[in-house]
N, C-alpha and C. Protein backbone atom coordinates (compact mmCIF):
# COMPACT_ATOMS: atom_id res chain seq x y z
N MET A 1 124.39 32.40 100.91
CA MET A 1 124.08 33.58 100.14
C MET A 1 125.01 34.71 100.60
N ASP A 2 125.61 35.41 99.67
CA ASP A 2 126.49 36.53 99.97
C ASP A 2 125.69 37.83 99.97
N TYR A 3 126.00 38.68 100.92
CA TYR A 3 125.36 39.99 100.98
C TYR A 3 126.42 41.07 100.86
N VAL A 4 126.07 42.13 100.19
CA VAL A 4 126.96 43.28 100.09
C VAL A 4 126.61 44.22 101.22
N THR A 5 127.59 44.63 101.98
CA THR A 5 127.36 45.54 103.09
C THR A 5 127.74 46.94 102.66
N GLN A 6 126.82 47.86 102.89
CA GLN A 6 127.08 49.26 102.61
C GLN A 6 127.01 50.05 103.90
N ARG A 7 127.74 51.12 103.96
CA ARG A 7 127.67 52.02 105.12
C ARG A 7 126.90 53.25 104.69
N TRP A 8 125.99 53.68 105.54
CA TRP A 8 125.17 54.85 105.26
C TRP A 8 125.62 55.97 106.19
N GLU A 9 125.53 57.17 105.70
CA GLU A 9 125.99 58.31 106.46
C GLU A 9 125.09 59.49 106.19
N PHE A 10 124.74 60.22 107.25
CA PHE A 10 123.94 61.41 107.10
C PHE A 10 124.86 62.56 106.72
N LEU A 11 124.60 63.19 105.57
CA LEU A 11 125.38 64.33 105.11
C LEU A 11 124.45 65.54 105.10
N PRO A 12 124.65 66.48 106.00
CA PRO A 12 123.70 67.60 106.10
C PRO A 12 123.73 68.56 104.91
N GLU A 13 124.80 68.58 104.15
CA GLU A 13 124.89 69.46 103.00
C GLU A 13 124.36 68.77 101.76
N LYS A 14 123.57 69.49 100.99
CA LYS A 14 123.01 68.94 99.76
C LYS A 14 124.11 68.77 98.71
N PRO A 15 124.23 67.57 98.12
CA PRO A 15 125.23 67.40 97.06
C PRO A 15 124.74 68.04 95.77
N PRO A 16 125.62 68.17 94.78
CA PRO A 16 125.19 68.75 93.51
C PRO A 16 124.03 67.96 92.91
N SER A 17 123.11 68.65 92.27
CA SER A 17 121.97 67.98 91.68
C SER A 17 122.07 68.02 90.16
N ASP A 18 121.26 67.21 89.53
CA ASP A 18 121.15 67.24 88.08
C ASP A 18 119.67 67.23 87.74
N ALA A 19 119.34 66.85 86.54
CA ALA A 19 117.95 66.87 86.11
C ALA A 19 117.07 65.88 86.86
N SER A 20 117.65 64.98 87.67
CA SER A 20 116.85 63.97 88.36
C SER A 20 116.07 64.51 89.54
N GLY A 21 116.40 65.70 90.04
CA GLY A 21 115.61 66.21 91.14
C GLY A 21 116.24 67.37 91.88
N ASP A 22 115.45 67.96 92.75
CA ASP A 22 115.87 69.13 93.52
C ASP A 22 116.77 68.78 94.69
N TYR A 23 116.84 67.54 95.09
CA TYR A 23 117.57 67.15 96.29
C TYR A 23 118.87 66.43 95.98
N GLY A 24 119.31 66.47 94.76
CA GLY A 24 120.52 65.78 94.37
C GLY A 24 120.18 64.54 93.57
N LEU A 25 121.08 63.58 93.56
CA LEU A 25 120.87 62.34 92.83
C LEU A 25 120.21 61.33 93.74
N SER A 26 119.27 60.58 93.20
CA SER A 26 118.56 59.59 94.01
C SER A 26 118.94 58.18 93.59
N LYS A 27 118.60 57.26 94.45
CA LYS A 27 118.70 55.84 94.11
C LYS A 27 117.39 55.18 94.52
N CYS A 28 116.87 54.35 93.64
CA CYS A 28 115.62 53.66 93.93
C CYS A 28 115.90 52.46 94.81
N VAL A 29 115.19 52.38 95.91
CA VAL A 29 115.31 51.28 96.85
C VAL A 29 113.90 50.83 97.21
N ASP A 30 113.78 49.90 98.16
CA ASP A 30 112.47 49.53 98.69
C ASP A 30 112.37 50.02 100.13
N PHE A 31 111.17 49.96 100.69
CA PHE A 31 110.96 50.50 102.04
C PHE A 31 111.79 49.81 103.11
N GLN A 32 112.18 48.57 102.91
CA GLN A 32 112.94 47.84 103.91
C GLN A 32 114.45 48.05 103.80
N CYS A 33 114.91 48.74 102.78
CA CYS A 33 116.35 48.95 102.58
C CYS A 33 117.03 49.57 103.81
N PRO A 34 116.49 50.62 104.41
CA PRO A 34 117.17 51.18 105.58
C PRO A 34 117.34 50.17 106.73
N GLN A 35 116.31 49.38 106.99
CA GLN A 35 116.41 48.40 108.07
C GLN A 35 117.45 47.33 107.76
N ARG A 36 117.52 46.90 106.52
CA ARG A 36 118.53 45.90 106.14
C ARG A 36 119.95 46.44 106.30
N GLN A 37 120.09 47.75 106.17
CA GLN A 37 121.40 48.38 106.29
C GLN A 37 121.69 48.86 107.72
N GLY A 38 120.80 48.57 108.66
CA GLY A 38 121.02 48.97 110.04
C GLY A 38 120.57 50.38 110.36
N ILE A 39 119.82 50.98 109.47
CA ILE A 39 119.28 52.32 109.72
C ILE A 39 117.90 52.12 110.32
N THR A 40 117.75 52.43 111.59
CA THR A 40 116.50 52.14 112.30
C THR A 40 115.92 53.42 112.87
N ASP A 41 114.84 53.27 113.63
CA ASP A 41 114.16 54.43 114.21
C ASP A 41 115.06 55.21 115.16
N ARG A 42 116.12 54.59 115.66
CA ARG A 42 117.01 55.34 116.54
C ARG A 42 117.69 56.48 115.79
N PHE A 43 117.66 56.42 114.48
CA PHE A 43 118.20 57.50 113.66
C PHE A 43 117.14 58.56 113.34
N ALA A 44 115.93 58.39 113.86
CA ALA A 44 114.82 59.32 113.61
C ALA A 44 114.62 59.53 112.11
N ILE A 45 114.36 58.43 111.40
CA ILE A 45 114.13 58.49 109.96
C ILE A 45 112.68 58.19 109.66
N ARG A 46 112.24 58.66 108.51
CA ARG A 46 110.85 58.41 108.09
C ARG A 46 110.72 58.67 106.60
N TRP A 47 109.86 57.90 105.96
CA TRP A 47 109.55 58.11 104.54
C TRP A 47 108.47 59.18 104.42
N PHE A 48 108.64 60.10 103.46
CA PHE A 48 107.66 61.14 103.20
C PHE A 48 107.32 61.18 101.72
N ARG A 49 106.07 61.49 101.44
CA ARG A 49 105.66 61.69 100.04
C ARG A 49 106.49 62.84 99.47
N GLU A 50 106.91 62.69 98.24
CA GLU A 50 107.77 63.70 97.62
C GLU A 50 107.12 65.08 97.63
N ASP A 51 105.81 65.16 97.44
CA ASP A 51 105.17 66.47 97.43
C ASP A 51 105.09 67.11 98.81
N ALA A 52 105.32 66.34 99.89
CA ALA A 52 105.31 66.88 101.25
C ALA A 52 106.72 67.20 101.76
N VAL A 53 107.74 66.79 101.03
CA VAL A 53 109.12 66.97 101.49
C VAL A 53 109.44 68.44 101.79
N PRO A 54 109.11 69.40 100.93
CA PRO A 54 109.45 70.79 101.26
C PRO A 54 108.87 71.26 102.60
N THR A 55 107.66 70.83 102.92
CA THR A 55 107.05 71.21 104.19
C THR A 55 107.85 70.66 105.36
N PHE A 56 108.24 69.39 105.28
CA PHE A 56 108.98 68.77 106.37
C PHE A 56 110.41 69.27 106.46
N LEU A 57 111.01 69.65 105.34
CA LEU A 57 112.33 70.27 105.39
C LEU A 57 112.26 71.58 106.18
N GLY A 58 111.16 72.29 106.05
CA GLY A 58 110.95 73.52 106.80
C GLY A 58 110.68 73.30 108.27
N GLN A 59 110.39 72.05 108.65
CA GLN A 59 110.11 71.71 110.05
C GLN A 59 111.30 71.03 110.72
N GLY A 60 112.47 71.11 110.10
CA GLY A 60 113.66 70.56 110.74
C GLY A 60 114.10 69.20 110.27
N TRP A 61 113.38 68.59 109.34
CA TRP A 61 113.81 67.32 108.77
C TRP A 61 114.84 67.61 107.68
N HIS A 62 115.66 66.59 107.34
CA HIS A 62 116.70 66.72 106.34
C HIS A 62 116.70 65.49 105.45
N VAL A 63 117.03 65.67 104.19
CA VAL A 63 117.14 64.54 103.28
C VAL A 63 118.29 63.66 103.76
N PHE A 64 118.07 62.35 103.79
CA PHE A 64 119.08 61.40 104.24
C PHE A 64 119.91 60.97 103.03
N TYR A 65 121.18 61.39 103.00
CA TYR A 65 122.10 61.03 101.92
C TYR A 65 123.04 59.93 102.40
N ASP A 66 123.35 58.98 101.52
CA ASP A 66 124.31 57.95 101.90
C ASP A 66 125.71 58.38 101.49
N ARG A 67 126.68 57.51 101.68
CA ARG A 67 128.08 57.84 101.41
C ARG A 67 128.35 58.21 99.96
N ASP A 68 127.57 57.70 99.04
CA ASP A 68 127.80 58.05 97.64
C ASP A 68 127.09 59.34 97.25
N GLY A 69 126.51 60.03 98.24
CA GLY A 69 125.89 61.31 97.98
C GLY A 69 124.49 61.24 97.40
N ARG A 70 123.92 60.04 97.35
CA ARG A 70 122.57 59.87 96.80
C ARG A 70 121.56 59.71 97.92
N TYR A 71 120.35 60.15 97.65
CA TYR A 71 119.29 59.95 98.64
C TYR A 71 118.40 58.80 98.21
N MET A 72 117.69 58.23 99.19
CA MET A 72 116.86 57.06 98.92
C MET A 72 115.46 57.45 98.53
N ARG A 73 114.99 56.81 97.46
CA ARG A 73 113.66 57.06 96.91
C ARG A 73 112.99 55.72 96.66
N VAL A 74 111.70 55.65 97.00
CA VAL A 74 110.88 54.50 96.67
C VAL A 74 109.84 54.97 95.66
N SER A 75 109.83 54.35 94.50
CA SER A 75 108.86 54.72 93.46
C SER A 75 107.49 54.20 93.83
N GLY A 76 106.50 55.06 93.70
CA GLY A 76 105.13 54.68 94.01
C GLY A 76 104.23 54.82 92.80
N PRO A 77 103.04 54.27 92.88
CA PRO A 77 102.13 54.34 91.74
C PRO A 77 101.64 55.76 91.44
N ASP A 78 101.52 56.59 92.49
CA ASP A 78 101.05 57.96 92.26
C ASP A 78 102.14 59.00 92.55
N ILE A 79 102.97 58.74 93.55
CA ILE A 79 104.05 59.67 93.90
C ILE A 79 105.14 58.90 94.63
N ASP A 80 106.38 59.35 94.48
CA ASP A 80 107.50 58.70 95.14
C ASP A 80 107.59 59.10 96.61
N GLN A 81 108.29 58.27 97.37
CA GLN A 81 108.56 58.53 98.78
C GLN A 81 110.07 58.78 98.93
N ILE A 82 110.43 59.72 99.80
CA ILE A 82 111.83 60.08 100.03
C ILE A 82 112.13 59.92 101.51
N LEU A 83 113.31 59.36 101.82
CA LEU A 83 113.71 59.15 103.20
C LEU A 83 114.30 60.43 103.79
N LEU A 84 113.71 60.87 104.92
CA LEU A 84 114.21 62.05 105.63
C LEU A 84 114.65 61.66 107.03
N ARG A 85 115.46 62.51 107.61
CA ARG A 85 115.98 62.26 108.96
C ARG A 85 115.96 63.56 109.74
N GLN A 86 115.69 63.43 111.05
CA GLN A 86 115.82 64.58 111.94
C GLN A 86 117.26 64.60 112.44
N ARG A 87 117.77 65.79 112.68
CA ARG A 87 119.13 65.87 113.23
C ARG A 87 119.13 65.34 114.64
N PRO A 88 120.21 64.69 115.01
CA PRO A 88 120.29 64.17 116.41
C PRO A 88 120.36 65.28 117.43
């Protein structure tokens, strides 16, 4: 089985956004996507409910953007989850 390898990068500046959301462009992934890509707890990452993201951004967390400038989102039945990271 062939796997596509992607590199993820924390970009502290918010990329341009469009109608898809306040945090830039998103990409739908699953909860295990970061682990498959080598993004682990050593990066101080965590999924947050979208409605709680502004609170955590105010507490020093940052939206985790990958190299293509998109952030990771998991669609949920009631609300989406967004991947955030603390600065090292």
